[in-house]
Amino acid sequence: MHSIKSINSPWLENWRSTRQSAQLSQNLETEILIVGGGIAGLMTAFFVLQKTRKNVVLLEGNRVAHGATGHNAGQLVTYFETDFYRLVQNYGLTLAAKAYQDVLSAWDLLEEVQKIVQFKTPIHIFTGYAGICSKEELYGYMQNRLLFKEAGLQTEAILISSEYKGLKSIPKKYASTFACVPPGQLMNLLQTENINYFAAGVAKAGVTNSAHLTEELAIFLTEKYPDRFKIFEHSIVDRLKLREDDAVAEVRDGHHVQAKKVVLCTNGFENISILDHGQSDLDTHFHESVYGVIGYMAAYVENVQNEATAITYHDTDSIKTRSDAEIVPYFYLTRRPHGNEAQNSLVCLGGPETRLEDKKDYHAQDHAYPEMALADLSDGLKKNYAPVPKGTLRFKYEWHGLMGYTPSGLRCVGPEPLNPVLLYNLGCNGVGILPSIFGGKRVSDFLLHKNLDTSIFDPQATASKAKKGLCQ
């Protein structure tokens, strides 16, 4: 194991905030209590405050944006860790397509928030690519594209090298899902010299510093709604007591917050005891099945400004420390302008993961960084990324973050079926930023008592999949 004294995340480097931090020091009453001060919590607060007249209190166990939001890859993507065709198998085409459209809507929601808040944190949006080097992976992409078309969803064509040897054997039913390009063009788009890649998935993507973005949002909301919004940091919630018309959140220091509604905006993998009417009679199978995954990342600085990009390399040989056998191993890379004058580029890498079996086993500052994970990242970079530096590669940043995975692999958004006093916007599932934004808006719609269509993000749908074991 490779030990590090502190998590060296680039998103929290030189952290500065003009917002005064406060810890809960008395018992409070509020209409809406949000638990979790990451991007999900602050986006939920934004939409609740913007769309309703309700008072909101937010409790964060550490500091705002210092959990998974400050220890991620800073990537904006709309794909699911579960293939679309698997979603169709489990939920049907109509609900699967609606879920995809819902996550896509987060792009417009982010633009809406940007116009109001006027973020100073850069948000780079571009076309991202996913390198494909196996026929099985290619046909999976093609099957997804066919289903997208059947559902009336717009999607980019898969790009295939005109020199791919298996081109003529591709089934005719997939003819509308791809376009041929010269191999040199494909290699350029994937920023690689690895000739094993013969195709690429194409999708809208982006990168940002989600920690800084979240802190800006916290500052904006506390200044705009000083009478309706309060943030309390270093206030760990140990227990939620749900009653018929309200709930009480007990904080570790002995104080509590009483609220008409509570929204859990966490990874879903915290040590919070939830009691319904004084008894643990919520769907414990679902709650206990949300498991933790530690993702390992690293980054270095290129002494040249290259365009922002996000590339996934579906190379099963590069990553040996993926935790879930159901997920095809991949190596991902993002690049963005870096430095005060943005004259350099920050290249971030990720892919290695380990599953966390016990919720008490992860303490961010004490968790060791496995040598194998670092070796995976270094090897994956050299094997896949053409502009890799010559000689010995030294990472400037090495960090890890805890993600919560729901049984379905989907974000959990909406009221708890057994007691609607509790709502969720939780479950990072590896790709959390855009789903967090969509989830925040949907929570506000529930609080406005809007008549919302059934969704596969609904807790009831997620729990039923957990019971049936369809997505384990």
Protein backbone atom coordinates (compact mmCIF):
# COMPACT_ATOMS: atom_id res chain seq x y z
CA MET A 1 0.00 0.00 0.00
CA HIS A 2 1.09 3.52 -0.81
CA SER A 3 0.39 5.85 2.11
CA ILE A 4 -0.32 9.55 1.70
CA LYS A 5 -0.62 12.01 4.56
CA SER A 6 -3.60 13.77 3.04
CA ILE A 7 -5.84 13.44 0.03
CA ASN A 8 -4.21 15.57 -2.63
CA SER A 9 -7.26 16.53 -4.68
CA PRO A 10 -6.73 19.26 -7.29
CA TRP A 11 -10.32 20.47 -6.74
CA LEU A 12 -9.57 21.43 -3.14
CA GLU A 13 -6.10 22.85 -3.72
CA ASN A 14 -5.79 26.42 -2.47
CA TRP A 15 -9.35 26.20 -1.15
CA ARG A 16 -10.70 29.66 -0.39
CA SER A 17 -14.15 30.68 0.73
CA THR A 18 -15.63 34.03 1.68
CA ARG A 19 -18.53 32.26 3.39
CA GLN A 20 -18.51 32.13 7.18
CA SER A 21 -18.69 28.53 8.39
CA ALA A 22 -20.96 27.64 11.31
CA GLN A 23 -21.66 24.46 13.28
CA LEU A 24 -25.10 23.60 14.62
CA SER A 25 -25.12 24.94 18.16
CA GLN A 26 -28.81 24.86 19.07
CA ASN A 27 -31.99 22.96 18.31
CA LEU A 28 -33.84 24.22 15.24
CA GLU A 29 -37.11 23.85 13.38
CA THR A 30 -37.41 24.20 9.60
CA GLU A 31 -39.64 23.19 6.73
CA ILE A 32 -37.00 21.38 4.68
CA LEU A 33 -33.86 19.71 6.02
CA ILE A 34 -31.19 18.69 3.53
CA VAL A 35 -28.55 16.25 4.73
CA GLY A 36 -25.35 16.44 2.67
CA GLY A 37 -23.38 19.46 1.47
CA GLY A 38 -22.04 18.18 -1.82
CA ILE A 39 -23.25 19.13 -5.27
CA ALA A 40 -26.45 17.11 -4.80
CA GLY A 41 -27.31 18.91 -1.57
CA LEU A 42 -26.59 22.40 -2.85
CA MET A 43 -28.35 21.83 -6.18
CA THR A 44 -31.36 20.50 -4.30
CA ALA A 45 -31.27 23.58 -2.07
CA PHE A 46 -31.05 25.81 -5.14
CA PHE A 47 -34.17 24.42 -6.79
CA VAL A 48 -36.16 24.22 -3.56
CA LEU A 49 -35.34 27.84 -2.72
CA GLN A 50 -35.94 29.03 -6.29
CA LYS A 51 -39.17 27.12 -6.91
CA THR A 52 -40.82 27.26 -3.47
CA ARG A 53 -41.15 29.66 -0.53
CA LYS A 54 -39.97 27.08 2.00
CA ASN A 55 -37.26 27.53 4.61
CA VAL A 56 -34.25 25.23 4.24
CA VAL A 57 -31.54 24.05 6.63
CA LEU A 58 -28.58 22.07 5.27
CA LEU A 59 -26.40 19.88 7.49
CA GLU A 60 -22.98 18.72 6.33
CA GLY A 61 -20.87 16.34 8.39
CA ASN A 62 -17.57 17.75 7.12
CA ARG A 63 -17.27 20.93 5.04
CA VAL A 64 -19.27 21.83 1.98
CA ALA A 65 -17.94 20.02 -1.13
CA HIS A 66 -15.26 18.12 0.82
CA GLY A 67 -16.80 14.67 0.31
CA ALA A 68 -17.22 12.93 -3.04
CA THR A 69 -17.84 16.32 -4.70
CA GLY A 70 -14.28 17.36 -3.90
CA HIS A 71 -12.79 13.94 -4.62
CA ASN A 72 -14.07 12.97 -8.05
CA ALA A 73 -12.90 13.27 -11.65
CA GLY A 74 -14.86 16.48 -12.24
CA GLN A 75 -16.51 14.97 -15.29
CA LEU A 76 -19.90 15.90 -16.74
CA VAL A 77 -21.44 12.91 -18.51
CA THR A 78 -24.93 11.55 -19.06
CA TYR A 79 -24.25 7.84 -19.40
CA PHE A 80 -25.19 5.22 -16.84
CA GLU A 81 -22.89 2.59 -15.40
CA THR A 82 -25.62 0.18 -16.52
CA ASP A 83 -25.99 -0.33 -20.29
CA PHE A 84 -29.13 1.18 -21.78
CA TYR A 85 -30.26 -2.15 -23.19
CA ARG A 86 -30.11 -3.61 -19.67
CA LEU A 87 -32.31 -0.76 -18.44
CA VAL A 88 -34.76 -1.62 -21.21
CA GLN A 89 -34.73 -5.28 -20.15
CA ASN A 90 -35.43 -4.37 -16.54
CA TYR A 91 -37.84 -1.46 -16.90
CA GLY A 92 -39.11 -1.40 -20.49
CA LEU A 93 -38.24 0.97 -23.32
CA THR A 94 -40.59 3.80 -22.32
CA LEU A 95 -39.28 4.20 -18.76
CA ALA A 96 -35.65 3.66 -19.79
CA ALA A 97 -35.95 6.34 -22.50
CA LYS A 98 -37.60 8.74 -20.07
CA ALA A 99 -34.72 8.24 -17.63
CA TYR A 100 -32.19 9.00 -20.34
CA GLN A 101 -34.09 12.17 -21.30
CA ASP A 102 -34.27 13.20 -17.64
CA VAL A 103 -30.49 13.02 -17.24
CA LEU A 104 -30.00 14.84 -20.55
CA SER A 105 -32.23 17.62 -19.19
CA ALA A 106 -29.52 18.33 -16.61
CA TRP A 107 -27.53 20.13 -19.32
CA ASP A 108 -30.34 22.69 -19.65
CA LEU A 109 -30.75 22.85 -15.88
CA LEU A 110 -27.03 23.54 -15.46
CA GLU A 111 -27.31 26.35 -17.99
CA GLU A 112 -30.29 27.73 -16.06
CA VAL A 113 -28.33 27.69 -12.81
CA GLN A 114 -25.32 29.27 -14.53
CA LYS A 115 -27.40 32.20 -15.81
CA ILE A 116 -28.71 32.90 -12.31
CA VAL A 117 -25.58 32.27 -10.23
CA GLN A 118 -22.99 33.42 -12.81
CA PHE A 119 -20.34 30.89 -11.82
CA LYS A 120 -16.74 32.00 -12.03
CA THR A 121 -15.63 28.37 -12.02
CA PRO A 122 -15.06 27.36 -15.67
CA ILE A 123 -17.42 24.79 -17.19
CA HIS A 124 -15.96 23.29 -20.37
CA ILE A 125 -18.45 21.51 -22.62
CA PHE A 126 -17.39 19.53 -25.69
CA THR A 127 -17.79 16.19 -27.48
CA GLY A 128 -16.40 13.25 -25.54
CA TYR A 129 -15.27 9.89 -26.89
CA ALA A 130 -15.10 6.30 -25.71
CA GLY A 131 -12.51 4.04 -27.31
CA ILE A 132 -13.73 0.55 -28.26
CA CYS A 133 -11.39 -2.38 -28.87
CA SER A 134 -13.65 -5.45 -28.72
CA LYS A 135 -16.49 -6.68 -30.91
CA GLU A 136 -18.64 -7.39 -27.85
CA GLU A 137 -18.29 -3.81 -26.64
CA LEU A 138 -18.99 -2.48 -30.13
CA TYR A 139 -22.17 -4.52 -30.52
CA GLY A 140 -23.32 -3.40 -27.08
CA TYR A 141 -22.95 0.23 -28.18
CA MET A 142 -24.82 -0.56 -31.39
CA GLN A 143 -27.66 -2.26 -29.53
CA ASN A 144 -27.98 0.83 -27.33
CA ARG A 145 -28.12 3.06 -30.43
CA LEU A 146 -30.86 0.93 -31.98
CA LEU A 147 -32.93 1.24 -28.84
CA PHE A 148 -32.31 4.99 -28.70
CA LYS A 149 -33.65 5.31 -32.24
CA GLU A 150 -36.65 3.12 -31.45
CA ALA A 151 -37.46 5.38 -28.51
CA GLY A 152 -37.10 8.52 -30.64
CA LEU A 153 -33.97 9.69 -28.83
CA GLN A 154 -31.30 11.63 -30.68
CA THR A 155 -27.89 10.05 -30.54
CA GLU A 156 -24.51 10.40 -32.21
CA ALA A 157 -23.32 7.74 -34.63
CA ILE A 158 -20.58 5.38 -33.50
CA LEU A 159 -17.35 6.04 -35.41
CA ILE A 160 -15.63 2.97 -36.86
CA SER A 161 -12.27 2.83 -38.59
CA SER A 162 -12.65 2.23 -42.32
CA GLU A 163 -9.89 -0.35 -41.98
CA TYR A 164 -11.60 -2.38 -39.22
CA LYS A 165 -11.31 -6.02 -40.30
CA GLY A 166 -14.73 -6.93 -38.94
CA LEU A 167 -16.53 -4.16 -40.80
CA LYS A 168 -18.17 -6.44 -43.39
CA SER A 169 -19.41 -8.89 -40.78
CA ILE A 170 -21.40 -6.29 -38.81
CA PRO A 171 -25.08 -7.34 -38.90
CA LYS A 172 -27.22 -5.27 -41.25
CA LYS A 173 -29.57 -4.30 -38.45
CA TYR A 174 -26.79 -2.08 -37.05
CA ALA A 175 -26.15 -0.24 -40.33
CA SER A 176 -27.84 2.97 -39.15
CA THR A 177 -25.86 3.16 -35.91
CA PHE A 178 -22.37 3.91 -37.19
CA ALA A 179 -20.25 5.87 -39.66
CA CYS A 180 -16.83 5.02 -41.06
CA VAL A 181 -13.86 7.37 -40.64
CA PRO A 182 -10.19 7.11 -41.62
CA PRO A 183 -8.15 5.34 -38.92
CA GLY A 184 -5.97 8.42 -38.46
CA GLN A 185 -9.00 10.54 -37.64
CA LEU A 186 -10.20 7.98 -35.10
CA MET A 187 -6.79 7.87 -33.42
CA ASN A 188 -6.73 11.67 -33.25
CA LEU A 189 -10.16 11.88 -31.65
CA LEU A 190 -9.16 9.29 -29.06
CA GLN A 191 -5.77 10.97 -28.52
CA THR A 192 -4.10 7.58 -28.85
CA GLU A 193 -1.60 5.59 -30.89
CA ASN A 194 -2.97 2.28 -29.63
CA ILE A 195 -4.03 0.45 -32.80
CA ASN A 196 -6.28 -1.89 -30.82
CA TYR A 197 -8.97 0.78 -30.90
CA PHE A 198 -11.07 0.47 -34.02
CA ALA A 199 -14.20 2.39 -32.95
CA ALA A 200 -15.40 5.19 -30.69
CA GLY A 201 -18.63 6.08 -28.96
CA VAL A 202 -19.54 9.76 -29.21
CA ALA A 203 -21.50 11.89 -26.71
CA LYS A 204 -21.75 15.36 -25.23
CA ALA A 205 -19.47 15.76 -22.22
CA GLY A 206 -17.82 18.35 -20.02
CA VAL A 207 -15.44 19.02 -17.15
CA THR A 208 -15.54 21.37 -14.20
CA ASN A 209 -14.30 21.76 -10.64
CA SER A 210 -17.46 20.56 -8.90
CA ALA A 211 -16.09 21.51 -5.46
CA HIS A 212 -15.58 25.16 -6.40
CA LEU A 213 -18.89 25.17 -8.27
CA THR A 214 -20.68 23.87 -5.17
CA GLU A 215 -19.01 26.39 -2.88
CA GLU A 216 -20.01 29.22 -5.23
CA LEU A 217 -23.57 27.92 -5.06
CA ALA A 218 -23.42 27.85 -1.25
CA ILE A 219 -22.23 31.47 -1.16
CA PHE A 220 -24.90 32.58 -3.62
CA LEU A 221 -27.76 30.90 -1.75
CA THR A 222 -26.72 32.14 1.70
CA GLU A 223 -26.47 35.69 0.36
CA LYS A 224 -29.70 35.63 -1.66
CA TYR A 225 -31.84 33.84 0.94
CA PRO A 226 -30.41 34.89 4.32
CA ASP A 227 -33.79 34.48 6.02
CA ARG A 228 -34.70 31.16 4.40
CA PHE A 229 -31.43 29.22 4.12
CA LYS A 230 -28.85 28.16 6.68
CA ILE A 231 -25.81 25.87 6.31
CA PHE A 232 -24.25 24.10 9.27
CA GLU A 233 -20.96 22.26 8.70
CA HIS A 234 -19.17 19.71 10.90
CA SER A 235 -22.67 18.64 11.97
CA ILE A 236 -22.89 14.87 11.60
CA VAL A 237 -26.36 13.36 11.50
CA ASP A 238 -26.41 10.07 13.44
CA ARG A 239 -30.14 9.33 13.46
CA LEU A 240 -33.30 10.29 11.60
CA LYS A 241 -36.57 9.78 13.48
CA LEU A 242 -39.45 9.83 11.03
CA ARG A 243 -42.94 10.54 12.24
CA GLU A 244 -46.28 10.90 10.49
CA ASP A 245 -45.97 14.62 9.70
CA ASP A 246 -42.36 15.51 10.38
CA ALA A 247 -38.92 14.19 11.31
CA VAL A 248 -36.15 14.85 13.79
CA ALA A 249 -32.49 14.68 12.78
CA GLU A 250 -30.22 14.01 15.74
CA VAL A 251 -26.74 15.49 15.35
CA ARG A 252 -23.73 13.94 17.02
CA ASP A 253 -23.06 16.90 19.33
CA GLY A 254 -26.48 16.46 20.98
CA HIS A 255 -28.53 19.03 19.09
CA HIS A 256 -31.33 18.26 16.67
CA VAL A 257 -33.29 19.73 13.75
CA GLN A 258 -37.01 19.18 13.42
CA ALA A 259 -38.32 19.40 9.84
CA LYS A 260 -41.50 18.82 7.85
CA LYS A 261 -39.46 17.05 5.16
CA VAL A 262 -35.94 15.61 5.09
CA VAL A 263 -33.96 15.13 1.88
CA LEU A 264 -30.96 12.79 1.98
CA CYS A 265 -28.43 14.14 -0.52
CA THR A 266 -25.58 11.83 0.33
CA ASN A 267 -23.77 8.94 -1.27
CA GLY A 268 -26.35 6.78 0.42
CA PHE A 269 -23.50 5.10 2.24
CA GLU A 270 -23.40 6.91 5.56
CA ASN A 271 -23.88 5.59 9.08
CA ILE A 272 -27.29 7.19 9.56
CA SER A 273 -29.84 5.19 11.51
CA ILE A 274 -33.35 5.75 10.09
CA LEU A 275 -36.28 5.02 12.39
CA ASP A 276 -39.86 5.20 11.13
CA HIS A 277 -42.40 5.92 13.88
CA GLY A 278 -39.78 4.80 16.38
CA GLN A 279 -39.06 1.49 14.69
CA SER A 280 -36.61 0.33 12.02
CA ASP A 281 -39.37 -0.69 9.65
CA LEU A 282 -38.24 1.05 6.51
CA ASP A 283 -37.13 -1.13 3.59
CA THR A 284 -33.86 -2.14 5.19
CA HIS A 285 -33.03 -4.47 2.29
CA PHE A 286 -32.72 -1.45 0.03
CA HIS A 287 -30.98 0.83 2.51
CA GLU A 288 -28.43 -1.79 3.51
CA SER A 289 -27.79 -2.78 -0.11
CA VAL A 290 -26.33 0.62 -1.03
CA TYR A 291 -22.64 -0.17 -0.97
CA GLY A 292 -19.48 1.90 -1.08
CA VAL A 293 -16.82 2.00 -3.77
CA ILE A 294 -13.54 3.83 -3.40
CA GLY A 295 -12.36 5.34 -6.67
CA TYR A 296 -8.67 6.15 -7.12
CA MET A 297 -7.53 9.06 -9.29
CA ALA A 298 -4.34 10.89 -10.14
CA ALA A 299 -3.33 13.89 -12.23
CA TYR A 300 -0.33 15.68 -13.67
CA VAL A 301 0.24 18.99 -15.43
CA GLU A 302 1.13 19.31 -19.12
CA ASN A 303 3.25 22.38 -19.84
CA VAL A 304 1.10 23.26 -22.81
CA GLN A 305 -2.50 24.32 -23.21
CA ASN A 306 -4.50 21.61 -24.96
CA GLU A 307 -8.22 21.61 -25.60
CA ALA A 308 -10.46 20.28 -22.87
CA THR A 309 -11.51 16.69 -23.48
CA ALA A 310 -12.89 13.57 -21.83
CA ILE A 311 -12.01 10.12 -23.15
CA THR A 312 -12.89 6.66 -21.91
CA TYR A 313 -10.72 3.75 -22.97
CA HIS A 314 -12.54 0.43 -22.79
CA ASP A 315 -9.35 -1.51 -22.30
CA THR A 316 -9.94 -4.53 -20.10
CA ASP A 317 -6.22 -5.13 -19.62
CA SER A 318 -5.36 -1.69 -18.21
CA ILE A 319 -7.41 -1.71 -15.02
CA LYS A 320 -6.89 -4.61 -12.63
CA THR A 321 -8.51 -3.08 -9.57
CA ARG A 322 -12.11 -2.55 -10.66
CA SER A 323 -14.44 -3.73 -7.91
CA ASP A 324 -17.58 -4.84 -9.71
CA ALA A 325 -17.49 -7.82 -12.03
CA GLU A 326 -20.70 -6.60 -13.71
CA ILE A 327 -18.97 -3.44 -14.93
CA VAL A 328 -16.55 -3.75 -17.84
CA PRO A 329 -13.18 -2.31 -16.72
CA TYR A 330 -12.25 0.99 -18.30
CA PHE A 331 -9.65 3.70 -17.98
CA TYR A 332 -10.78 7.31 -18.26
CA LEU A 333 -8.97 10.57 -18.83
CA THR A 334 -10.00 14.22 -18.68
CA ARG A 335 -8.01 17.28 -19.67
CA ARG A 336 -8.66 20.94 -19.04
CA PRO A 337 -6.87 24.32 -18.88
CA HIS A 338 -4.95 24.73 -15.66
CA GLY A 339 -3.20 27.46 -13.70
CA ASN A 340 -3.85 31.15 -13.09
CA GLU A 341 -3.33 32.04 -16.73
CA ALA A 342 -4.66 28.69 -17.97
CA GLN A 343 -1.43 28.24 -19.90
CA ASN A 344 -1.07 24.60 -18.89
CA SER A 345 -3.35 21.57 -19.00
CA LEU A 346 -4.37 19.34 -16.12
CA VAL A 347 -4.65 15.67 -17.13
CA CYS A 348 -6.74 13.61 -14.70
CA LEU A 349 -6.92 9.82 -14.74
CA GLY A 350 -9.22 7.29 -13.13
CA GLY A 351 -10.52 3.76 -13.32
CA PRO A 352 -9.17 1.68 -10.41
CA GLU A 353 -11.70 0.98 -7.67
CA THR A 354 -12.11 -1.18 -4.61
CA ARG A 355 -15.37 -2.16 -2.98
CA LEU A 356 -15.85 -1.15 0.63
CA GLU A 357 -17.64 -3.86 2.55
CA ASP A 358 -17.89 -2.11 5.92
CA LYS A 359 -19.21 1.46 6.16
CA LYS A 360 -16.86 2.19 9.05
CA ASP A 361 -13.70 1.27 7.14
CA TYR A 362 -13.25 4.48 5.14
CA HIS A 363 -11.69 7.51 6.76
CA ALA A 364 -10.56 9.81 3.98
CA GLN A 365 -7.43 11.23 5.56
CA ASP A 366 -6.22 7.85 6.83
CA HIS A 367 -7.04 5.64 3.86
CA ALA A 368 -3.94 4.31 2.08
CA TYR A 369 -3.53 4.59 -1.68
CA PRO A 370 -2.85 1.10 -3.17
CA GLU A 371 0.32 0.77 -5.21
CA MET A 372 -1.60 -1.35 -7.73
CA ALA A 373 -4.09 1.46 -8.36
CA LEU A 374 -1.28 3.92 -9.01
CA ALA A 375 0.42 1.39 -11.29
CA ASP A 376 -2.86 0.85 -13.17
CA LEU A 377 -3.19 4.57 -13.81
CA SER A 378 0.40 4.93 -14.96
CA ASP A 379 0.20 1.87 -17.22
CA GLY A 380 -3.17 2.87 -18.63
CA LEU A 381 -1.88 6.33 -19.45
CA LYS A 382 1.21 5.07 -21.24
CA LYS A 383 -0.74 2.47 -23.15
CA ASN A 384 -3.59 4.68 -24.28
CA TYR A 385 -2.71 8.39 -24.29
CA ALA A 386 -0.49 9.60 -27.14
CA PRO A 387 0.75 12.88 -25.54
CA VAL A 388 2.07 11.00 -22.49
CA PRO A 389 5.28 12.61 -21.14
CA LYS A 390 8.62 11.00 -21.87
CA GLY A 391 10.60 9.43 -19.07
CA THR A 392 9.43 8.87 -15.51
CA LEU A 393 5.91 10.12 -14.89
CA ARG A 394 5.33 11.88 -11.58
CA PHE A 395 1.78 12.67 -10.57
CA LYS A 396 1.24 16.03 -8.93
CA TYR A 397 -2.06 14.89 -7.43
CA GLU A 398 -3.15 11.54 -6.02
CA TRP A 399 -6.59 11.27 -4.45
CA HIS A 400 -9.50 8.95 -3.82
CA GLY A 401 -13.19 9.36 -3.08
CA LEU A 402 -16.05 7.30 -1.72
CA MET A 403 -19.00 6.66 -4.04
CA GLY A 404 -22.31 5.09 -3.11
CA TYR A 405 -23.74 2.49 -5.48
CA THR A 406 -27.45 1.69 -5.38
CA PRO A 407 -28.60 -1.86 -6.26
CA SER A 408 -29.99 -0.68 -9.61
CA GLY A 409 -26.93 1.40 -10.54
CA LEU A 410 -29.28 4.39 -10.80
CA ARG A 411 -29.68 7.51 -8.74
CA CYS A 412 -32.46 7.31 -6.16
CA VAL A 413 -34.71 10.39 -6.37
CA GLY A 414 -38.02 11.05 -4.65
CA PRO A 415 -40.09 10.22 -1.56
CA GLU A 416 -39.53 7.12 0.55
CA PRO A 417 -42.49 4.82 -0.27
CA LEU A 418 -43.10 3.88 3.37
CA ASN A 419 -42.93 7.44 4.72
CA PRO A 420 -42.91 10.44 2.32
CA VAL A 421 -41.56 12.70 5.05
CA LEU A 422 -38.19 11.37 3.84
CA LEU A 423 -36.99 12.07 0.28
CA TYR A 424 -33.82 11.08 -1.55
CA ASN A 425 -31.42 12.55 -4.06
CA LEU A 426 -28.64 10.07 -3.55
CA GLY A 427 -26.41 7.40 -5.04
CA CYS A 428 -23.39 8.63 -6.97
CA ASN A 429 -23.00 5.38 -8.93
CA GLY A 430 -19.74 6.69 -10.39
CA VAL A 431 -21.29 9.47 -12.51
CA GLY A 432 -22.97 11.85 -10.13
CA ILE A 433 -22.78 15.51 -11.17
CA LEU A 434 -25.47 15.80 -13.84
CA PRO A 435 -27.83 13.27 -12.20
CA SER A 436 -27.47 15.30 -8.97
CA ILE A 437 -28.71 18.39 -10.78
CA PHE A 438 -31.68 16.59 -12.32
CA GLY A 439 -32.41 15.02 -8.93
CA GLY A 440 -32.46 18.40 -7.20
CA LYS A 441 -35.04 19.74 -9.65
CA ARG A 442 -37.20 16.61 -9.32
CA VAL A 443 -37.16 16.86 -5.52
CA SER A 444 -38.39 20.45 -5.75
CA ASP A 445 -41.20 19.26 -8.04
CA PHE A 446 -42.24 16.67 -5.45
CA LEU A 447 -42.26 19.36 -2.75
CA LEU A 448 -44.52 21.46 -4.99
CA HIS A 449 -46.89 18.47 -5.15
CA LYS A 450 -46.59 18.22 -8.91
CA ASN A 451 -48.15 15.17 -10.53
CA LEU A 452 -44.96 13.53 -11.77
CA ASP A 453 -44.74 10.55 -14.08
CA THR A 454 -43.37 7.27 -12.75
CA SER A 455 -39.59 7.07 -13.09
CA ILE A 456 -36.97 4.38 -12.73
CA PHE A 457 -35.25 6.82 -10.35
CA ASP A 458 -38.19 6.51 -7.94
CA PRO A 459 -37.18 4.88 -4.63
CA GLN A 460 -39.98 2.35 -5.03
CA ALA A 461 -38.61 1.20 -8.40
CA THR A 462 -35.07 1.08 -7.04
CA ALA A 463 -36.13 -0.91 -3.99
CA SER A 464 -38.09 -3.42 -6.06
CA LYS A 465 -35.03 -4.07 -8.21
CA ALA A 466 -32.99 -4.59 -5.05
CA LYS A 467 -35.44 -7.21 -3.82
CA LYS A 468 -35.51 -9.05 -7.13
CA GLY A 469 -31.73 -8.84 -7.51
CA LEU A 470 -32.04 -7.81 -11.15
CA CYS A 471 -29.21 -5.32 -11.09
CA GLN A 472 -26.86 -6.71 -8.48
